[in-house]
Amino acid sequence: MKIQDLTVRQTQKALGDFLRAVESLPEDRRDWSPVEVVRSAMSMVQEVAVVPEFHLRLISGQGVPPELHAELQAKAAQLRDFESGREAALHATSELCQAILSFPDDRLDDEVTLPFGPGVVFTMAEVIGLHYWNLVYHFGQVNYIQTALGDREMH
């Protein structure tokens, strides 16, 4: 199995797990945070729906313009309910997965500097896994919110 195939399989599963976890929260708690410094599940849905555009730009070699962060934040803010966020996340992740599947093997060792501070360099093999990593990270955060609400069931 190629790393691209594995990454897509893991990413699709992680997206399903993440969305199922958010959906299991009471509707009136999807915008809720247990403490001020913890993000709401809905804010994570918004991020997950738009961040694949960032990854697509890296994979395609287009680079990341400085204004992209603000553009993605504006797009995320337009996703005001779970359904619109879910549909956007499914669509964006599908597009990203198609790009990952067609990513050439001979470019997996290429390096790219990410705009997360000086010296943050990833191989393209690592870049194609960033959305998966982000989904798993947010899945854990949603599970934290779930347990803060007293729900100990695995969803």
Protein backbone atom coordinates (compact mmCIF):
# COMPACT_ATOMS: atom_id res chain seq x y z
CA MET A 1 0.00 0.00 0.00
CA LYS A 2 1.28 3.44 -0.90
CA ILE A 3 1.51 6.16 1.73
CA GLN A 4 -0.99 8.22 -0.27
CA ASP A 5 -3.57 5.39 -0.02
CA LEU A 6 -2.98 4.95 3.71
CA THR A 7 -3.19 8.69 4.34
CA VAL A 8 -6.50 8.97 2.49
CA ARG A 9 -7.93 5.97 4.35
CA GLN A 10 -6.90 7.41 7.72
CA THR A 11 -8.11 10.91 6.81
CA GLN A 12 -11.54 9.70 5.72
CA LYS A 13 -11.93 7.63 8.89
CA ALA A 14 -10.78 10.51 11.08
CA LEU A 15 -13.26 12.87 9.43
CA GLY A 16 -16.08 10.40 10.02
CA ASP A 17 -15.05 9.95 13.66
CA PHE A 18 -14.78 13.70 14.19
CA LEU A 19 -18.16 14.49 12.62
CA ARG A 20 -19.87 11.66 14.50
CA ALA A 21 -18.44 12.97 17.78
CA VAL A 22 -19.70 16.50 17.09
CA GLU A 23 -23.08 15.17 16.00
CA SER A 24 -23.36 13.23 19.26
CA LEU A 25 -23.18 16.45 21.26
CA PRO A 26 -26.51 18.03 22.15
CA GLU A 27 -27.31 20.63 19.47
CA ASP A 28 -27.39 23.43 22.03
CA ARG A 29 -23.88 22.49 23.19
CA ARG A 30 -22.07 22.48 19.85
CA ASP A 31 -21.24 26.17 20.31
CA TRP A 32 -20.54 25.69 24.01
CA SER A 33 -17.16 25.65 25.68
CA PRO A 34 -16.50 24.26 29.18
CA VAL A 35 -14.08 27.13 29.90
CA GLU A 36 -13.26 30.34 28.09
CA VAL A 37 -9.95 29.14 26.65
CA VAL A 38 -11.40 25.95 25.11
CA ARG A 39 -12.80 26.14 21.60
CA SER A 40 -16.32 25.02 20.83
CA ALA A 41 -16.97 21.97 18.68
CA MET A 42 -18.59 24.19 16.05
CA SER A 43 -15.46 26.33 15.76
CA MET A 44 -13.53 23.14 15.09
CA VAL A 45 -16.05 22.06 12.43
CA GLN A 46 -15.55 25.43 10.75
CA GLU A 47 -11.78 24.99 10.76
CA VAL A 48 -11.90 21.41 9.49
CA ALA A 49 -14.14 22.59 6.64
CA VAL A 50 -11.72 25.21 5.34
CA VAL A 51 -8.21 24.07 6.25
CA PRO A 52 -7.99 21.55 3.36
CA GLU A 53 -7.63 24.58 1.07
CA PHE A 54 -4.37 25.37 2.87
CA HIS A 55 -3.15 21.80 2.40
CA LEU A 56 -4.21 21.75 -1.26
CA ARG A 57 -2.10 24.84 -1.91
CA LEU A 58 0.92 23.16 -0.35
CA ILE A 59 0.40 19.92 -2.25
CA SER A 60 -0.07 21.70 -5.57
CA GLY A 61 3.06 23.80 -5.01
CA GLN A 62 1.14 27.09 -5.13
CA GLY A 63 2.50 28.29 -1.81
CA VAL A 64 0.61 30.02 0.95
CA PRO A 65 0.03 33.74 0.46
CA PRO A 66 -0.06 35.86 3.64
CA GLU A 67 -3.73 36.74 3.13
CA LEU A 68 -4.87 33.09 3.01
CA HIS A 69 -5.31 32.82 6.79
CA ALA A 70 -7.77 35.74 6.84
CA GLU A 71 -9.59 34.39 3.77
CA LEU A 72 -10.02 30.99 5.40
CA GLN A 73 -11.24 32.57 8.63
CA ALA A 74 -13.87 34.51 6.66
CA LYS A 75 -15.00 31.33 4.89
CA ALA A 76 -15.19 29.49 8.20
CA ALA A 77 -17.33 32.23 9.76
CA GLN A 78 -19.92 31.75 7.00
CA LEU A 79 -20.51 28.17 8.19
CA ARG A 80 -22.99 28.98 10.91
CA ASP A 81 -24.52 25.57 11.61
CA PHE A 82 -23.36 21.98 11.86
CA GLU A 83 -25.00 20.86 8.63
CA SER A 84 -23.31 23.49 6.47
CA GLY A 85 -20.00 22.84 8.23
CA ARG A 86 -20.33 19.09 7.80
CA GLU A 87 -21.11 19.38 4.10
CA ALA A 88 -18.22 21.79 3.55
CA ALA A 89 -15.84 19.51 5.48
CA LEU A 90 -16.92 16.46 3.48
CA HIS A 91 -16.49 18.30 0.18
CA ALA A 92 -13.14 19.91 1.03
CA THR A 93 -11.72 16.70 2.46
CA SER A 94 -12.83 14.78 -0.63
CA GLU A 95 -11.00 17.27 -2.86
CA LEU A 96 -7.90 17.02 -0.69
CA CYS A 97 -8.01 13.23 -0.72
CA GLN A 98 -8.14 13.22 -4.51
CA ALA A 99 -5.05 15.42 -4.60
CA ILE A 100 -3.28 13.15 -2.11
CA LEU A 101 -4.08 10.05 -4.15
CA SER A 102 -2.59 11.62 -7.26
CA PHE A 103 0.47 13.02 -5.48
CA PRO A 104 3.59 11.61 -7.19
CA ASP A 105 5.78 9.20 -5.25
CA ASP A 106 8.94 10.90 -6.45
CA ARG A 107 7.94 14.15 -4.69
CA LEU A 108 7.24 12.67 -1.23
CA ASP A 109 10.73 13.58 0.00
CA ASP A 110 10.49 17.18 -1.28
CA GLU A 111 10.56 19.72 1.53
CA VAL A 112 8.42 22.78 2.08
CA THR A 113 8.72 25.51 4.70
CA LEU A 114 5.44 26.05 6.51
CA PRO A 115 4.28 29.48 7.70
CA PHE A 116 4.22 28.44 11.37
CA GLY A 117 7.37 30.19 12.46
CA PRO A 118 11.00 30.12 11.40
CA GLY A 119 12.48 26.79 10.41
CA VAL A 120 9.28 24.73 10.21
CA VAL A 121 10.14 22.38 7.38
CA PHE A 122 8.07 19.32 6.44
CA THR A 123 8.49 16.71 3.75
CA MET A 124 5.58 16.37 1.36
CA ALA A 125 4.95 12.93 2.89
CA GLU A 126 4.31 14.78 6.15
CA VAL A 127 2.27 17.51 4.46
CA ILE A 128 -0.19 15.04 2.96
CA GLY A 129 -0.89 13.81 6.50
CA LEU A 130 -1.53 17.21 8.07
CA HIS A 131 -5.31 17.14 7.65
CA TYR A 132 -5.45 13.68 9.21
CA TRP A 133 -3.39 14.90 12.16
CA ASN A 134 -5.62 17.96 12.57
CA LEU A 135 -8.79 15.85 12.49
CA VAL A 136 -7.49 13.48 15.16
CA TYR A 137 -6.42 16.44 17.31
CA HIS A 138 -9.88 18.00 17.10
CA PHE A 139 -11.58 14.64 17.63
CA GLY A 140 -9.83 14.51 21.00
CA GLN A 141 -10.95 18.04 21.81
CA VAL A 142 -14.57 17.18 21.01
CA ASN A 143 -14.27 14.10 23.22
CA TYR A 144 -13.10 16.37 26.02
CA ILE A 145 -16.20 18.53 25.59
CA GLN A 146 -18.34 15.39 25.52
CA THR A 147 -16.91 14.17 28.83
CA ALA A 148 -17.26 17.66 30.36
CA LEU A 149 -20.98 17.30 29.59
CA GLY A 150 -21.04 14.00 31.48
CA ASP A 151 -21.25 11.76 28.41
CA ARG A 152 -18.82 8.84 28.81
CA GLU A 153 -20.16 6.77 25.89
CA MET A 154 -17.92 6.06 22.90
CA HIS A 155 -19.57 7.51 19.81
